Amino acid sequence: VADANLGDVDAQLAAADAELLAQQPEAAFARVIDAIKRTAGDDRTALRTRLLELFELFDPAEPYVVAARRKLATALY
């Protein structure tokens, strides 16, 4: 997971999934948000869409979900 190619969107998504399976949602969210900051176009859209899907797996009131949503908004604008 730690060695996932930073420029490979699919690798980053797979690494985020692995982090979720390892019960590290904050790390998974951070990985995808960092990838969003480095990408544009279709890659950025795919990452954003996947992150929103990941958010749906958790209670929206969880502090780490709230924080990740804020970071996503900052990354997008």
N, C-alpha and C. Protein backbone atom coordinates (compact mmCIF):
# COMPACT_ATOMS: atom_id res chain seq x y z
N VAL A 1 0.83 -1.19 0.00
CA VAL A 1 0.00 0.00 0.00
C VAL A 1 0.87 1.25 0.00
N ALA A 2 1.85 1.29 0.85
CA ALA A 2 2.69 2.49 0.97
C ALA A 2 3.47 2.75 -0.31
N ASP A 3 3.69 1.73 -1.12
CA ASP A 3 4.48 1.88 -2.34
C ASP A 3 3.64 2.15 -3.58
N ALA A 4 2.36 2.40 -3.41
CA ALA A 4 1.50 2.64 -4.57
C ALA A 4 2.01 3.84 -5.37
N ASN A 5 2.06 3.68 -6.68
CA ASN A 5 2.53 4.73 -7.58
C ASN A 5 1.63 5.95 -7.46
N LEU A 6 2.20 7.07 -7.07
CA LEU A 6 1.42 8.29 -6.83
C LEU A 6 0.72 8.79 -8.10
N GLY A 7 1.26 8.49 -9.26
CA GLY A 7 0.66 8.94 -10.51
C GLY A 7 -0.36 7.99 -11.09
N ASP A 8 -0.52 6.83 -10.48
CA ASP A 8 -1.44 5.81 -11.00
C ASP A 8 -2.73 5.84 -10.19
N VAL A 9 -3.79 6.35 -10.80
CA VAL A 9 -5.07 6.51 -10.11
C VAL A 9 -5.60 5.16 -9.63
N ASP A 10 -5.53 4.15 -10.49
CA ASP A 10 -6.04 2.83 -10.09
C ASP A 10 -5.26 2.26 -8.91
N ALA A 11 -3.95 2.48 -8.90
CA ALA A 11 -3.13 2.01 -7.77
C ALA A 11 -3.49 2.74 -6.49
N GLN A 12 -3.75 4.04 -6.60
CA GLN A 12 -4.13 4.81 -5.43
C GLN A 12 -5.48 4.35 -4.88
N LEU A 13 -6.42 4.07 -5.78
CA LEU A 13 -7.73 3.58 -5.33
C LEU A 13 -7.61 2.20 -4.69
N ALA A 14 -6.80 1.34 -5.27
CA ALA A 14 -6.59 0.00 -4.69
C ALA A 14 -5.93 0.12 -3.32
N ALA A 15 -4.98 1.04 -3.20
CA ALA A 15 -4.31 1.24 -1.91
C ALA A 15 -5.29 1.78 -0.88
N ALA A 16 -6.17 2.68 -1.30
CA ALA A 16 -7.18 3.21 -0.38
C ALA A 16 -8.12 2.09 0.07
N ASP A 17 -8.50 1.22 -0.85
CA ASP A 17 -9.35 0.08 -0.48
C ASP A 17 -8.64 -0.81 0.53
N ALA A 18 -7.35 -1.03 0.33
CA ALA A 18 -6.58 -1.85 1.27
C ALA A 18 -6.53 -1.19 2.65
N GLU A 19 -6.39 0.11 2.66
CA GLU A 19 -6.38 0.82 3.94
C GLU A 19 -7.73 0.72 4.64
N LEU A 20 -8.81 0.78 3.87
CA LEU A 20 -10.13 0.60 4.48
C LEU A 20 -10.27 -0.80 5.07
N LEU A 21 -9.81 -1.80 4.34
CA LEU A 21 -9.88 -3.18 4.85
C LEU A 21 -9.04 -3.35 6.11
N ALA A 22 -7.99 -2.55 6.22
CA ALA A 22 -7.13 -2.59 7.41
C ALA A 22 -7.69 -1.69 8.51
N GLN A 23 -8.91 -1.22 8.32
CA GLN A 23 -9.60 -0.37 9.29
C GLN A 23 -8.85 0.94 9.54
N GLN A 24 -8.40 1.55 8.43
CA GLN A 24 -7.72 2.83 8.50
C GLN A 24 -8.41 3.82 7.55
N PRO A 25 -9.67 4.16 7.86
CA PRO A 25 -10.40 5.04 6.93
C PRO A 25 -9.77 6.42 6.77
N GLU A 26 -9.18 6.96 7.84
CA GLU A 26 -8.56 8.28 7.73
C GLU A 26 -7.42 8.26 6.72
N ALA A 27 -6.62 7.20 6.74
CA ALA A 27 -5.52 7.06 5.78
C ALA A 27 -6.05 6.91 4.36
N ALA A 28 -7.12 6.14 4.21
CA ALA A 28 -7.71 5.95 2.89
C ALA A 28 -8.25 7.26 2.34
N PHE A 29 -8.97 7.99 3.17
CA PHE A 29 -9.52 9.28 2.74
C PHE A 29 -8.39 10.24 2.37
N ALA A 30 -7.36 10.31 3.19
CA ALA A 30 -6.23 11.20 2.94
C ALA A 30 -5.53 10.85 1.63
N ARG A 31 -5.38 9.56 1.37
CA ARG A 31 -4.73 9.10 0.14
C ARG A 31 -5.50 9.59 -1.08
N VAL A 32 -6.82 9.42 -1.06
CA VAL A 32 -7.62 9.82 -2.21
C VAL A 32 -7.65 11.34 -2.36
N ILE A 33 -7.75 12.06 -1.25
CA ILE A 33 -7.76 13.52 -1.31
C ILE A 33 -6.42 14.03 -1.85
N ASP A 34 -5.33 13.45 -1.42
CA ASP A 34 -4.02 13.85 -1.94
C ASP A 34 -3.93 13.58 -3.44
N ALA A 35 -4.48 12.46 -3.88
CA ALA A 35 -4.48 12.15 -5.32
C ALA A 35 -5.34 13.15 -6.09
N ILE A 36 -6.45 13.56 -5.50
CA ILE A 36 -7.32 14.56 -6.14
C ILE A 36 -6.55 15.86 -6.35
N LYS A 37 -5.73 16.23 -5.39
CA LYS A 37 -4.96 17.47 -5.50
C LYS A 37 -3.95 17.41 -6.65
N ARG A 38 -3.49 16.21 -7.00
CA ARG A 38 -2.46 16.04 -8.02
C ARG A 38 -3.02 15.77 -9.41
N THR A 39 -4.33 15.62 -9.54
CA THR A 39 -4.89 15.22 -10.82
C THR A 39 -5.86 16.26 -11.37
N ALA A 40 -6.32 15.99 -12.59
CA ALA A 40 -7.30 16.86 -13.24
C ALA A 40 -8.14 15.99 -14.17
N GLY A 41 -9.19 16.58 -14.69
CA GLY A 41 -10.00 15.91 -15.70
C GLY A 41 -10.69 14.65 -15.21
N ASP A 42 -10.68 13.63 -16.06
CA ASP A 42 -11.38 12.39 -15.77
C ASP A 42 -10.80 11.67 -14.55
N ASP A 43 -9.48 11.73 -14.38
CA ASP A 43 -8.87 11.10 -13.20
C ASP A 43 -9.39 11.73 -11.92
N ARG A 44 -9.45 13.04 -11.92
CA ARG A 44 -9.93 13.75 -10.73
C ARG A 44 -11.39 13.41 -10.45
N THR A 45 -12.19 13.34 -11.50
CA THR A 45 -13.60 12.99 -11.35
C THR A 45 -13.75 11.58 -10.79
N ALA A 46 -12.96 10.65 -11.31
CA ALA A 46 -13.03 9.26 -10.83
C ALA A 46 -12.65 9.18 -9.36
N LEU A 47 -11.62 9.89 -8.97
CA LEU A 47 -11.19 9.89 -7.56
C LEU A 47 -12.25 10.50 -6.66
N ARG A 48 -12.80 11.62 -7.08
CA ARG A 48 -13.84 12.29 -6.28
C ARG A 48 -15.07 11.40 -6.13
N THR A 49 -15.47 10.77 -7.21
CA THR A 49 -16.63 9.88 -7.17
C THR A 49 -16.40 8.71 -6.22
N ARG A 50 -15.20 8.13 -6.30
CA ARG A 50 -14.88 7.00 -5.42
C ARG A 50 -14.83 7.44 -3.96
N LEU A 51 -14.30 8.62 -3.70
CA LEU A 51 -14.25 9.10 -2.32
C LEU A 51 -15.65 9.29 -1.77
N LEU A 52 -16.54 9.83 -2.57
CA LEU A 52 -17.93 9.99 -2.12
C LEU A 52 -18.57 8.64 -1.83
N GLU A 53 -18.24 7.62 -2.63
CA GLU A 53 -18.74 6.26 -2.36
C GLU A 53 -18.19 5.74 -1.04
N LEU A 54 -16.92 6.02 -0.78
CA LEU A 54 -16.32 5.58 0.49
C LEU A 54 -16.98 6.26 1.68
N PHE A 55 -17.30 7.54 1.53
CA PHE A 55 -17.97 8.25 2.61
C PHE A 55 -19.29 7.58 2.98
N GLU A 56 -19.98 7.03 1.99
CA GLU A 56 -21.28 6.40 2.24
C GLU A 56 -21.19 5.14 3.10
N LEU A 57 -20.00 4.60 3.24
CA LEU A 57 -19.81 3.40 4.06
C LEU A 57 -19.81 3.71 5.55
N PHE A 58 -19.77 5.00 5.89
CA PHE A 58 -19.64 5.41 7.28
C PHE A 58 -20.76 6.36 7.67
N ASP A 59 -20.97 6.49 8.96
CA ASP A 59 -21.92 7.46 9.49
C ASP A 59 -21.41 8.85 9.12
N PRO A 60 -22.24 9.66 8.48
CA PRO A 60 -21.78 10.99 8.07
C PRO A 60 -21.38 11.90 9.23
N ALA A 61 -21.79 11.56 10.44
CA ALA A 61 -21.45 12.37 11.61
C ALA A 61 -20.10 11.99 12.23
N GLU A 62 -19.49 10.90 11.74
CA GLU A 62 -18.17 10.51 12.28
C GLU A 62 -17.19 11.65 12.07
N PRO A 63 -16.42 12.00 13.09
CA PRO A 63 -15.50 13.12 12.97
C PRO A 63 -14.52 13.00 11.80
N TYR A 64 -14.04 11.78 11.52
CA TYR A 64 -13.08 11.63 10.42
C TYR A 64 -13.75 11.79 9.06
N VAL A 65 -15.04 11.52 8.96
CA VAL A 65 -15.77 11.75 7.71
C VAL A 65 -16.00 13.25 7.53
N VAL A 66 -16.41 13.92 8.59
CA VAL A 66 -16.62 15.37 8.53
C VAL A 66 -15.32 16.07 8.12
N ALA A 67 -14.22 15.68 8.74
CA ALA A 67 -12.93 16.30 8.44
C ALA A 67 -12.51 16.02 6.99
N ALA A 68 -12.73 14.80 6.53
CA ALA A 68 -12.36 14.45 5.16
C ALA A 68 -13.21 15.20 4.15
N ARG A 69 -14.48 15.40 4.46
CA ARG A 69 -15.35 16.17 3.56
C ARG A 69 -14.84 17.61 3.43
N ARG A 70 -14.41 18.18 4.54
CA ARG A 70 -13.86 19.55 4.51
C ARG A 70 -12.59 19.59 3.65
N LYS A 71 -11.73 18.61 3.86
CA LYS A 71 -10.49 18.56 3.08
C LYS A 71 -10.77 18.36 1.60
N LEU A 72 -11.79 17.57 1.28
CA LEU A 72 -12.17 17.37 -0.11
C LEU A 72 -12.63 18.69 -0.72
N ALA A 73 -13.46 19.42 -0.01
CA ALA A 73 -13.95 20.71 -0.51
C ALA A 73 -12.77 21.65 -0.77
N THR A 74 -11.81 21.67 0.13
CA THR A 74 -10.63 22.52 -0.05
C THR A 74 -9.82 22.07 -1.26
N ALA A 75 -9.68 20.77 -1.44
CA ALA A 75 -8.91 20.24 -2.56
C ALA A 75 -9.55 20.56 -3.91
N LEU A 76 -10.87 20.61 -3.92
CA LEU A 76 -11.57 20.84 -5.18
C LEU A 76 -11.63 22.31 -5.57
N TYR A 77 -11.54 23.19 -4.59
CA TYR A 77 -11.71 24.62 -4.89
C TYR A 77 -10.56 25.45 -4.52
